Amino acid sequence: MLLTREEMTFDFGGARLDPASDRKLLAWMMNQFLYGEVTGIQCGRWLYDAPDLEAARFFSRQAVEEFQHVDNFLRILEVLGEHPAPAHPMVRFLTTGMMPASFEEHVCLEMALGEGFVLMALYGVIDTIDHEEIRAILQRAVKQEERHVDFGERRTAALVRERPSLRRRLLGLSLVSTWGVRRLGAFMRSRLPDHPVLSKLPDFLKFTVDCAEKRLLRMGVLLKPFAQLGPLEKAACIAEAYGASVLTAPFRLLPRKRLTDTYLRDPAVLQRPREDGEEPIRLVR
């Protein structure tokens, strides 16, 4: 990836997440991840628009991995003794609401930037969770997420080099995405309980956006830091991005029933089969 694990590691100062006392908080987090992985399954639609066999092969493999991740988060909820539940509206906006209209938007917004945000959150849980099984599940998942981010970064950087005119549109959508992450952080600060880990949230959020800024700079989507972008320049990029989307993909504005609307009622979620040899549920510390 364009950012190393060290660059993406936040110092929580030794604060920990306890699987017993923080069960509800962890369940809320896992349900946000679960929704994101369900949206990830839909990467299969990009097989239709893959520009080459490498991309098509990658998407077919990624779809299988996203199915595995869905099972991973269902397993974690099972370990916690919690049930699948709806995701926060801002999470739905950042994933389904910002569903890309082109291959270029997909590799930049969903893979490099979006899965980069997810990766940061996963690293944060791994670094603070006091539960060996949950940590092991997440550590396996992040290896695949890292490959997804790497693919998105490489393809985005190549596309921007070949077609510099893409830069403003991708930057406009990236600005909306980072705004959404900030809004989600504001919700968490105001609604979730006081906690040693959550008390670090404002600093972690700033750190996460800083990492996204570095990623955009290294991909060539951003040519100067966010702080040097004026309000009019930001507004022009966002207007150009959404104007192009309306012209090229009006379906984005129409309501459509997708897997993300039905997965909580799906038998595969309601009655998850246990794999052969899978350990029974044990909430250990």
C-alpha atoms as a PDB file:
ATOM      1  CA  MET A   1       0.000   0.000   0.000  1.00  0.00           C
ATOM      2  CA  LEU A   2       1.017   3.640  -0.357  1.00  0.00           C
ATOM      3  CA  LEU A   3       0.823   3.976   3.444  1.00  0.00           C
ATOM      4  CA  THR A   4       2.549   1.499   5.739  1.00  0.00           C
ATOM      5  CA  ARG A   5       0.948  -0.171   8.753  1.00  0.00           C
ATOM      6  CA  GLU A   6       3.119   2.051  10.942  1.00  0.00           C
ATOM      7  CA  GLU A   7       1.827   5.199   9.231  1.00  0.00           C
ATOM      8  CA  MET A   8      -1.744   3.984   9.791  1.00  0.00           C
ATOM      9  CA  THR A   9      -1.274   3.047  13.467  1.00  0.00           C
ATOM     10  CA  PHE A  10      -2.845   5.363  16.038  1.00  0.00           C
ATOM     11  CA  ASP A  11      -1.586   5.498  19.622  1.00  0.00           C
ATOM     12  CA  PHE A  12      -4.528   4.787  21.938  1.00  0.00           C
ATOM     13  CA  GLY A  13      -2.314   5.194  24.992  1.00  0.00           C
ATOM     14  CA  GLY A  14      -3.018   1.712  26.308  1.00  0.00           C
ATOM     15  CA  ALA A  15      -6.832   2.103  26.320  1.00  0.00           C
ATOM     16  CA  ARG A  16      -8.622  -1.215  25.812  1.00  0.00           C
ATOM     17  CA  LEU A  17     -11.986  -2.569  24.654  1.00  0.00           C
ATOM     18  CA  ASP A  18     -13.380  -5.212  27.019  1.00  0.00           C
ATOM     19  CA  PRO A  19     -15.608  -7.855  25.335  1.00  0.00           C
ATOM     20  CA  ALA A  20     -17.848  -8.114  28.400  1.00  0.00           C
ATOM     21  CA  SER A  21     -18.321  -4.568  29.674  1.00  0.00           C
ATOM     22  CA  ASP A  22     -18.094  -3.080  26.141  1.00  0.00           C
ATOM     23  CA  ARG A  23     -20.290  -5.715  24.505  1.00  0.00           C
ATOM     24  CA  LYS A  24     -22.936  -3.276  23.224  1.00  0.00           C
ATOM     25  CA  LEU A  25     -20.333  -0.846  21.913  1.00  0.00           C
ATOM     26  CA  LEU A  26     -18.473  -3.624  20.116  1.00  0.00           C
ATOM     27  CA  ALA A  27     -21.729  -4.967  18.674  1.00  0.00           C
ATOM     28  CA  TRP A  28     -22.523  -1.499  17.271  1.00  0.00           C
ATOM     29  CA  MET A  29     -19.086  -1.372  15.665  1.00  0.00           C
ATOM     30  CA  MET A  30     -19.379  -4.871  14.212  1.00  0.00           C
ATOM     31  CA  ASN A  31     -22.770  -4.073  12.684  1.00  0.00           C
ATOM     32  CA  GLN A  32     -21.246  -1.111  10.854  1.00  0.00           C
ATOM     33  CA  PHE A  33     -18.512  -3.406   9.511  1.00  0.00           C
ATOM     34  CA  LEU A  34     -21.113  -6.031   8.592  1.00  0.00           C
ATOM     35  CA  TYR A  35     -23.078  -3.587   6.460  1.00  0.00           C
ATOM     36  CA  GLY A  36     -19.885  -2.498   4.742  1.00  0.00           C
ATOM     37  CA  GLU A  37     -18.985  -6.070   3.862  1.00  0.00           C
ATOM     38  CA  VAL A  38     -22.459  -6.671   2.410  1.00  0.00           C
ATOM     39  CA  THR A  39     -21.925  -3.664   0.144  1.00  0.00           C
ATOM     40  CA  GLY A  40     -18.517  -5.112  -0.698  1.00  0.00           C
ATOM     41  CA  ILE A  41     -20.144  -8.236  -2.154  1.00  0.00           C
ATOM     42  CA  GLN A  42     -21.684  -5.976  -4.768  1.00  0.00           C
ATOM     43  CA  CYS A  43     -18.219  -5.372  -6.245  1.00  0.00           C
ATOM     44  CA  GLY A  44     -19.200  -8.266  -8.546  1.00  0.00           C
ATOM     45  CA  ARG A  45     -21.156  -5.797 -10.667  1.00  0.00           C
ATOM     46  CA  TRP A  46     -17.846  -4.299 -11.768  1.00  0.00           C
ATOM     47  CA  LEU A  47     -17.061  -7.492 -13.653  1.00  0.00           C
ATOM     48  CA  TYR A  48     -19.297  -6.009 -16.351  1.00  0.00           C
ATOM     49  CA  ASP A  49     -17.189  -2.844 -16.562  1.00  0.00           C
ATOM     50  CA  ALA A  50     -13.723  -4.225 -15.802  1.00  0.00           C
ATOM     51  CA  PRO A  51     -11.306  -2.702 -18.328  1.00  0.00           C
ATOM     52  CA  ASP A  52      -9.073  -5.785 -18.429  1.00  0.00           C
ATOM     53  CA  LEU A  53      -8.744  -9.367 -17.239  1.00  0.00           C
ATOM     54  CA  GLU A  54      -6.565  -8.423 -14.266  1.00  0.00           C
ATOM     55  CA  ALA A  55      -9.320  -6.213 -12.858  1.00  0.00           C
ATOM     56  CA  ALA A  56     -12.029  -8.800 -13.591  1.00  0.00           C
ATOM     57  CA  ARG A  57     -10.009 -11.538 -11.893  1.00  0.00           C
ATOM     58  CA  PHE A  58      -9.407  -9.295  -8.883  1.00  0.00           C
ATOM     59  CA  PHE A  59     -13.113  -8.431  -8.499  1.00  0.00           C
ATOM     60  CA  SER A  60     -14.163 -12.069  -8.707  1.00  0.00           C
ATOM     61  CA  ARG A  61     -11.714 -12.955  -5.945  1.00  0.00           C
ATOM     62  CA  GLN A  62     -12.719  -9.922  -3.890  1.00  0.00           C
ATOM     63  CA  ALA A  63     -16.396 -10.875  -3.990  1.00  0.00           C
ATOM     64  CA  VAL A  64     -15.551 -14.268  -2.457  1.00  0.00           C
ATOM     65  CA  GLU A  65     -13.461 -12.562   0.222  1.00  0.00           C
ATOM     66  CA  GLU A  66     -16.317 -10.178   1.060  1.00  0.00           C
ATOM     67  CA  PHE A  67     -18.599 -13.183   1.608  1.00  0.00           C
ATOM     68  CA  GLN A  68     -15.992 -14.526   4.018  1.00  0.00           C
ATOM     69  CA  HIS A  69     -15.901 -11.185   5.829  1.00  0.00           C
ATOM     70  CA  VAL A  70     -19.680 -11.229   6.246  1.00  0.00           C
ATOM     71  CA  ASP A  71     -19.346 -14.600   7.980  1.00  0.00           C
ATOM     72  CA  ASN A  72     -16.478 -13.213  10.088  1.00  0.00           C
ATOM     73  CA  PHE A  73     -18.561 -10.367  11.486  1.00  0.00           C
ATOM     74  CA  LEU A  74     -21.564 -12.622  12.041  1.00  0.00           C
ATOM     75  CA  ARG A  75     -19.231 -14.885  14.020  1.00  0.00           C
ATOM     76  CA  ILE A  76     -17.976 -11.964  16.125  1.00  0.00           C
ATOM     77  CA  LEU A  77     -21.554 -10.901  16.881  1.00  0.00           C
ATOM     78  CA  GLU A  78     -22.261 -14.499  17.877  1.00  0.00           C
ATOM     79  CA  VAL A  79     -19.231 -14.504  20.204  1.00  0.00           C
ATOM     80  CA  LEU A  80     -20.476 -11.281  21.789  1.00  0.00           C
ATOM     81  CA  GLY A  81     -23.985 -12.703  22.220  1.00  0.00           C
ATOM     82  CA  GLU A  82     -25.440  -9.960  20.025  1.00  0.00           C
ATOM     83  CA  HIS A  83     -27.586  -9.943  16.882  1.00  0.00           C
ATOM     84  CA  PRO A  84     -27.185  -8.303  13.458  1.00  0.00           C
ATOM     85  CA  ALA A  85     -28.720  -4.836  13.444  1.00  0.00           C
ATOM     86  CA  PRO A  86     -29.105  -1.940  10.984  1.00  0.00           C
ATOM     87  CA  ALA A  87     -26.137   0.278  10.249  1.00  0.00           C
ATOM     88  CA  HIS A  88     -26.029   3.986  11.042  1.00  0.00           C
ATOM     89  CA  PRO A  89     -27.485   6.196   8.253  1.00  0.00           C
ATOM     90  CA  MET A  90     -24.116   7.862   7.637  1.00  0.00           C
ATOM     91  CA  VAL A  91     -22.490   4.450   7.103  1.00  0.00           C
ATOM     92  CA  ARG A  92     -25.226   3.640   4.594  1.00  0.00           C
ATOM     93  CA  PHE A  93     -24.611   6.983   2.865  1.00  0.00           C
ATOM     94  CA  LEU A  94     -20.849   6.443   2.690  1.00  0.00           C
ATOM     95  CA  THR A  95     -21.325   3.024   1.069  1.00  0.00           C
ATOM     96  CA  THR A  96     -24.640   2.586  -0.751  1.00  0.00           C
ATOM     97  CA  GLY A  97     -25.404   6.305  -0.983  1.00  0.00           C
ATOM     98  CA  MET A  98     -22.067   6.994  -2.670  1.00  0.00           C
ATOM     99  CA  MET A  99     -22.146   3.946  -4.930  1.00  0.00           C
ATOM    100  CA  PRO A 100     -19.820   4.863  -7.813  1.00  0.00           C
ATOM    101  CA  ALA A 101     -20.987   5.424 -11.352  1.00  0.00           C
ATOM    102  CA  SER A 102     -17.788   4.326 -13.110  1.00  0.00           C
ATOM    103  CA  PHE A 103     -14.778   2.038 -12.778  1.00  0.00           C
ATOM    104  CA  GLU A 104     -12.620   5.087 -12.013  1.00  0.00           C
ATOM    105  CA  GLU A 105     -14.870   6.135  -9.137  1.00  0.00           C
ATOM    106  CA  HIS A 106     -14.999   2.571  -7.823  1.00  0.00           C
ATOM    107  CA  VAL A 107     -11.252   2.042  -7.519  1.00  0.00           C
ATOM    108  CA  CYS A 108     -10.706   5.488  -5.992  1.00  0.00           C
ATOM    109  CA  LEU A 109     -13.756   6.019  -3.760  1.00  0.00           C
ATOM    110  CA  GLU A 110     -14.663   2.492  -2.696  1.00  0.00           C
ATOM    111  CA  MET A 111     -11.356   0.656  -2.810  1.00  0.00           C
ATOM    112  CA  ALA A 112      -8.526   3.090  -2.080  1.00  0.00           C
ATOM    113  CA  LEU A 113     -10.335   5.659   0.079  1.00  0.00           C
ATOM    114  CA  GLY A 114     -13.365   3.795   1.457  1.00  0.00           C
ATOM    115  CA  GLU A 115     -11.612   0.537   2.272  1.00  0.00           C
ATOM    116  CA  GLY A 116      -8.732   2.634   3.553  1.00  0.00           C
ATOM    117  CA  PHE A 117     -11.110   4.132   6.147  1.00  0.00           C
ATOM    118  CA  VAL A 118     -12.335   0.627   7.024  1.00  0.00           C
ATOM    119  CA  LEU A 119      -8.760  -0.579   7.373  1.00  0.00           C
ATOM    120  CA  MET A 120      -7.974   2.225   9.813  1.00  0.00           C
ATOM    121  CA  ALA A 121     -10.982   1.259  11.942  1.00  0.00           C
ATOM    122  CA  LEU A 122     -10.023  -2.424  11.868  1.00  0.00           C
ATOM    123  CA  TYR A 123      -6.472  -1.608  12.916  1.00  0.00           C
ATOM    124  CA  GLY A 124      -7.911   0.415  15.796  1.00  0.00           C
ATOM    125  CA  VAL A 125     -10.073  -2.479  17.033  1.00  0.00           C
ATOM    126  CA  ILE A 126      -7.228  -4.988  16.647  1.00  0.00           C
ATOM    127  CA  ASP A 127      -4.902  -2.756  18.655  1.00  0.00           C
ATOM    128  CA  THR A 128      -7.369  -2.313  21.535  1.00  0.00           C
ATOM    129  CA  ILE A 129      -9.574  -5.430  21.778  1.00  0.00           C
ATOM    130  CA  ASP A 130      -9.051  -7.782  24.747  1.00  0.00           C
ATOM    131  CA  HIS A 131     -10.284 -10.945  23.037  1.00  0.00           C
ATOM    132  CA  GLU A 132      -7.967 -13.375  21.255  1.00  0.00           C
ATOM    133  CA  GLU A 133     -10.533 -14.947  18.910  1.00  0.00           C
ATOM    134  CA  ILE A 134     -11.965 -11.612  17.764  1.00  0.00           C
ATOM    135  CA  ARG A 135      -8.479 -10.226  17.213  1.00  0.00           C
ATOM    136  CA  ALA A 136      -7.461 -13.297  15.213  1.00  0.00           C
ATOM    137  CA  ILE A 137     -10.564 -13.047  12.994  1.00  0.00           C
ATOM    138  CA  LEU A 138      -9.875  -9.371  12.285  1.00  0.00           C
ATOM    139  CA  GLN A 139      -6.176  -9.939  11.630  1.00  0.00           C
ATOM    140  CA  ARG A 140      -7.041 -12.440   8.909  1.00  0.00           C
ATOM    141  CA  ALA A 141      -9.554 -10.028   7.407  1.00  0.00           C
ATOM    142  CA  VAL A 142      -7.177  -7.058   7.241  1.00  0.00           C
ATOM    143  CA  LYS A 143      -4.740  -8.968   5.031  1.00  0.00           C
ATOM    144  CA  GLN A 144      -7.440  -9.122   2.376  1.00  0.00           C
ATOM    145  CA  GLU A 145      -8.533  -5.516   2.975  1.00  0.00           C
ATOM    146  CA  GLU A 146      -4.925  -4.409   2.457  1.00  0.00           C
ATOM    147  CA  ARG A 147      -4.904  -6.095  -0.957  1.00  0.00           C
ATOM    148  CA  HIS A 148      -8.143  -4.321  -1.880  1.00  0.00           C
ATOM    149  CA  VAL A 149      -6.741  -0.930  -0.873  1.00  0.00           C
ATOM    150  CA  ASP A 150      -3.493  -1.619  -2.739  1.00  0.00           C
ATOM    151  CA  PHE A 151      -5.376  -2.489  -5.933  1.00  0.00           C
ATOM    152  CA  GLY A 152      -7.495   0.663  -5.658  1.00  0.00           C
ATOM    153  CA  GLU A 153      -4.444   2.850  -5.065  1.00  0.00           C
ATOM    154  CA  ARG A 154      -2.474   1.440  -7.993  1.00  0.00           C
ATOM    155  CA  ARG A 155      -5.362   1.648 -10.435  1.00  0.00           C
ATOM    156  CA  THR A 156      -6.355   5.158  -9.336  1.00  0.00           C
ATOM    157  CA  ALA A 157      -2.809   6.476  -9.631  1.00  0.00           C
ATOM    158  CA  ALA A 158      -2.475   4.957 -13.113  1.00  0.00           C
ATOM    159  CA  LEU A 159      -5.820   6.370 -14.268  1.00  0.00           C
ATOM    160  CA  VAL A 160      -5.009   9.886 -13.046  1.00  0.00           C
ATOM    161  CA  ARG A 161      -1.626   9.778 -14.803  1.00  0.00           C
ATOM    162  CA  GLU A 162      -3.290   8.679 -18.044  1.00  0.00           C
ATOM    163  CA  ARG A 163      -6.287  11.011 -17.767  1.00  0.00           C
ATOM    164  CA  PRO A 164      -5.497  14.090 -15.619  1.00  0.00           C
ATOM    165  CA  SER A 165      -9.009  15.400 -16.295  1.00  0.00           C
ATOM    166  CA  LEU A 166     -10.337  12.744 -13.872  1.00  0.00           C
ATOM    167  CA  ARG A 167      -8.595  14.381 -10.939  1.00  0.00           C
ATOM    168  CA  ARG A 168     -11.176  17.076 -10.124  1.00  0.00           C
ATOM    169  CA  ARG A 169     -14.134  14.674 -10.267  1.00  0.00           C
ATOM    170  CA  LEU A 170     -12.427  12.118  -8.030  1.00  0.00           C
ATOM    171  CA  LEU A 171     -11.307  14.848  -5.652  1.00  0.00           C
ATOM    172  CA  GLY A 172     -14.855  16.232  -5.395  1.00  0.00           C
ATOM    173  CA  LEU A 173     -16.251  12.836  -4.437  1.00  0.00           C
ATOM    174  CA  SER A 174     -13.357  12.289  -2.023  1.00  0.00           C
ATOM    175  CA  LEU A 175     -14.194  15.557  -0.273  1.00  0.00           C
ATOM    176  CA  VAL A 176     -17.783  14.369   0.233  1.00  0.00           C
ATOM    177  CA  SER A 177     -16.522  11.029   1.546  1.00  0.00           C
ATOM    178  CA  THR A 178     -14.199  12.631   4.112  1.00  0.00           C
ATOM    179  CA  TRP A 179     -17.057  14.933   5.165  1.00  0.00           C
ATOM    180  CA  GLY A 180     -19.195  11.861   5.800  1.00  0.00           C
ATOM    181  CA  VAL A 181     -16.471  10.278   7.948  1.00  0.00           C
ATOM    182  CA  ARG A 182     -16.295  13.444  10.034  1.00  0.00           C
ATOM    183  CA  ARG A 183     -20.094  13.411  10.473  1.00  0.00           C
ATOM    184  CA  LEU A 184     -20.002   9.791  11.627  1.00  0.00           C
ATOM    185  CA  GLY A 185     -17.305  10.703  14.127  1.00  0.00           C
ATOM    186  CA  ALA A 186     -19.449  13.565  15.433  1.00  0.00           C
ATOM    187  CA  PHE A 187     -22.316  11.124  16.011  1.00  0.00           C
ATOM    188  CA  MET A 188     -20.059   8.736  17.903  1.00  0.00           C
ATOM    189  CA  ARG A 189     -18.729  11.526  20.120  1.00  0.00           C
ATOM    190  CA  SER A 190     -22.235  12.745  20.989  1.00  0.00           C
ATOM    191  CA  ARG A 191     -24.175   9.481  21.327  1.00  0.00           C
ATOM    192  CA  LEU A 192     -21.873   6.677  22.389  1.00  0.00           C
ATOM    193  CA  PRO A 193     -20.929   6.204  26.064  1.00  0.00           C
ATOM    194  CA  ASP A 194     -17.874   7.663  27.776  1.00  0.00           C
ATOM    195  CA  HIS A 195     -15.015   5.261  27.339  1.00  0.00           C
ATOM    196  CA  PRO A 196     -11.181   5.364  27.443  1.00  0.00           C
ATOM    197  CA  VAL A 197     -10.976   4.341  23.777  1.00  0.00           C
ATOM    198  CA  LEU A 198     -13.790   6.653  22.618  1.00  0.00           C
ATOM    199  CA  SER A 199     -12.208   9.582  24.451  1.00  0.00           C
ATOM    200  CA  LYS A 200      -9.444   9.311  21.847  1.00  0.00           C
ATOM    201  CA  LEU A 201     -11.972   9.502  19.011  1.00  0.00           C
ATOM    202  CA  PRO A 202     -11.461  13.168  18.015  1.00  0.00           C
ATOM    203  CA  ASP A 203      -7.715  12.636  17.666  1.00  0.00           C
ATOM    204  CA  PHE A 204      -8.239   9.287  15.916  1.00  0.00           C
ATOM    205  CA  LEU A 205     -10.686  10.895  13.472  1.00  0.00           C
ATOM    206  CA  LYS A 206      -8.212  13.660  12.617  1.00  0.00           C
ATOM    207  CA  PHE A 207      -5.495  11.032  12.201  1.00  0.00           C
ATOM    208  CA  THR A 208      -7.742   8.993   9.876  1.00  0.00           C
ATOM    209  CA  VAL A 209      -8.509  12.004   7.663  1.00  0.00           C
ATOM    210  CA  ASP A 210      -4.803  12.900   7.631  1.00  0.00           C
ATOM    211  CA  CYS A 211      -4.038   9.378   6.371  1.00  0.00           C
ATOM    212  CA  ALA A 212      -6.704   9.744   3.672  1.00  0.00           C
ATOM    213  CA  GLU A 213      -5.113  13.044   2.647  1.00  0.00           C
ATOM    214  CA  LYS A 214      -1.702  11.348   2.329  1.00  0.00           C
ATOM    215  CA  ARG A 215      -3.262   8.581   0.248  1.00  0.00           C
ATOM    216  CA  LEU A 216      -4.933  11.063  -2.108  1.00  0.00           C
ATOM    217  CA  LEU A 217      -1.668  13.012  -2.449  1.00  0.00           C
ATOM    218  CA  ARG A 218       0.334   9.876  -3.207  1.00  0.00           C
ATOM    219  CA  MET A 219      -2.219   8.709  -5.768  1.00  0.00           C
ATOM    220  CA  GLY A 220      -2.087  12.093  -7.491  1.00  0.00           C
ATOM    221  CA  VAL A 221      -5.774  12.876  -6.903  1.00  0.00           C
ATOM    222  CA  LEU A 222      -4.857  15.690  -4.512  1.00  0.00           C
ATOM    223  CA  LEU A 223      -2.088  18.066  -5.564  1.00  0.00           C
ATOM    224  CA  LYS A 224      -1.898  20.082  -2.353  1.00  0.00           C
ATOM    225  CA  PRO A 225      -3.043  19.570   1.263  1.00  0.00           C
ATOM    226  CA  PHE A 226      -6.724  19.963   2.144  1.00  0.00           C
ATOM    227  CA  ALA A 227      -5.891  23.085   4.167  1.00  0.00           C
ATOM    228  CA  GLN A 228      -4.729  24.836   1.009  1.00  0.00           C
ATOM    229  CA  LEU A 229      -8.004  24.201  -0.840  1.00  0.00           C
ATOM    230  CA  GLY A 230     -10.286  27.222  -0.697  1.00  0.00           C
ATOM    231  CA  PRO A 231     -14.073  26.930  -0.209  1.00  0.00           C
ATOM    232  CA  LEU A 232     -14.810  27.865  -3.817  1.00  0.00           C
ATOM    233  CA  GLU A 233     -12.286  25.349  -5.142  1.00  0.00           C
ATOM    234  CA  LYS A 234     -13.825  22.586  -3.013  1.00  0.00           C
ATOM    235  CA  ALA A 235     -17.358  23.543  -4.083  1.00  0.00           C
ATOM    236  CA  ALA A 236     -16.352  23.541  -7.760  1.00  0.00           C
ATOM    237  CA  CYS A 237     -14.830  20.050  -7.488  1.00  0.00           C
ATOM    238  CA  ILE A 238     -17.939  18.667  -5.753  1.00  0.00           C
ATOM    239  CA  ALA A 239     -20.296  20.313  -8.270  1.00  0.00           C
ATOM    240  CA  GLU A 240     -18.278  18.920 -11.172  1.00  0.00           C
ATOM    241  CA  ALA A 241     -18.273  15.434  -9.643  1.00  0.00           C
ATOM    242  CA  TYR A 242     -22.026  15.273  -9.100  1.00  0.00           C
ATOM    243  CA  GLY A 243     -22.817  17.026 -12.353  1.00  0.00           C
ATOM    244  CA  ALA A 244     -20.865  14.384 -14.249  1.00  0.00           C
ATOM    245  CA  SER A 245     -22.584  11.605 -12.306  1.00  0.00           C
ATOM    246  CA  VAL A 246     -26.061  12.898 -13.125  1.00  0.00           C
ATOM    247  CA  LEU A 247     -25.225  13.096 -16.817  1.00  0.00           C
ATOM    248  CA  THR A 248     -23.467   9.739 -17.097  1.00  0.00           C
ATOM    249  CA  ALA A 249     -25.411   7.656 -14.580  1.00  0.00           C
ATOM    250  CA  PRO A 250     -28.877   9.005 -13.730  1.00  0.00           C
ATOM    251  CA  PHE A 251     -29.747   5.613 -12.199  1.00  0.00           C
ATOM    252  CA  ARG A 252     -27.796   6.716  -9.136  1.00  0.00           C
ATOM    253  CA  LEU A 253     -30.673   9.045  -8.223  1.00  0.00           C
ATOM    254  CA  LEU A 254     -33.394   6.389  -8.550  1.00  0.00           C
ATOM    255  CA  PRO A 255     -34.462   4.089  -5.686  1.00  0.00           C
ATOM    256  CA  ARG A 256     -33.385   0.483  -6.205  1.00  0.00           C
ATOM    257  CA  LYS A 257     -33.705  -2.550  -3.948  1.00  0.00           C
ATOM    258  CA  ARG A 258     -30.307  -4.060  -3.254  1.00  0.00           C
ATOM    259  CA  LEU A 259     -28.822  -6.716  -1.013  1.00  0.00           C
ATOM    260  CA  THR A 260     -28.120  -4.026   1.578  1.00  0.00           C
ATOM    261  CA  ASP A 261     -31.888  -3.549   1.934  1.00  0.00           C
ATOM    262  CA  THR A 262     -32.624  -7.197   2.649  1.00  0.00           C
ATOM    263  CA  TYR A 263     -29.587  -8.833   4.291  1.00  0.00           C
ATOM    264  CA  LEU A 264     -30.912  -8.540   7.869  1.00  0.00           C
ATOM    265  CA  ARG A 265     -33.901 -10.695   6.848  1.00  0.00           C
ATOM    266  CA  ASP A 266     -31.782 -13.190   4.937  1.00  0.00           C
ATOM    267  CA  PRO A 267     -31.761 -16.783   6.272  1.00  0.00           C
ATOM    268  CA  ALA A 268     -27.963 -16.835   5.891  1.00  0.00           C
ATOM    269  CA  VAL A 269     -27.786 -14.038   8.480  1.00  0.00           C
ATOM    270  CA  LEU A 270     -30.627 -15.189  10.720  1.00  0.00           C
ATOM    271  CA  GLN A 271     -29.402 -18.777  10.912  1.00  0.00           C
ATOM    272  CA  ARG A 272     -25.683 -18.770  10.233  1.00  0.00           C
ATOM    273  CA  PRO A 273     -24.432 -22.366   9.849  1.00  0.00           C
ATOM    274  CA  ARG A 274     -21.408 -23.228  11.963  1.00  0.00           C
ATOM    275  CA  GLU A 275     -18.382 -24.467  10.042  1.00  0.00           C
ATOM    276  CA  ASP A 276     -17.072 -27.962  10.720  1.00  0.00           C
ATOM    277  CA  GLY A 277     -14.710 -27.847  13.649  1.00  0.00           C
ATOM    278  CA  GLU A 278     -15.702 -24.313  14.655  1.00  0.00           C
ATOM    279  CA  GLU A 279     -15.404 -23.775  18.381  1.00  0.00           C
ATOM    280  CA  PRO A 280     -18.578 -23.149  20.401  1.00  0.00           C
ATOM    281  CA  ILE A 281     -19.182 -19.593  21.564  1.00  0.00           C
ATOM    282  CA  ARG A 282     -17.066 -18.575  24.527  1.00  0.00           C
ATOM    283  CA  LEU A 283     -16.895 -15.033  25.809  1.00  0.00           C
ATOM    284  CA  VAL A 284     -13.394 -15.002  27.281  1.00  0.00           C
ATOM    285  CA  ARG A 285     -11.237 -12.161  28.517  1.00  0.00           C
END
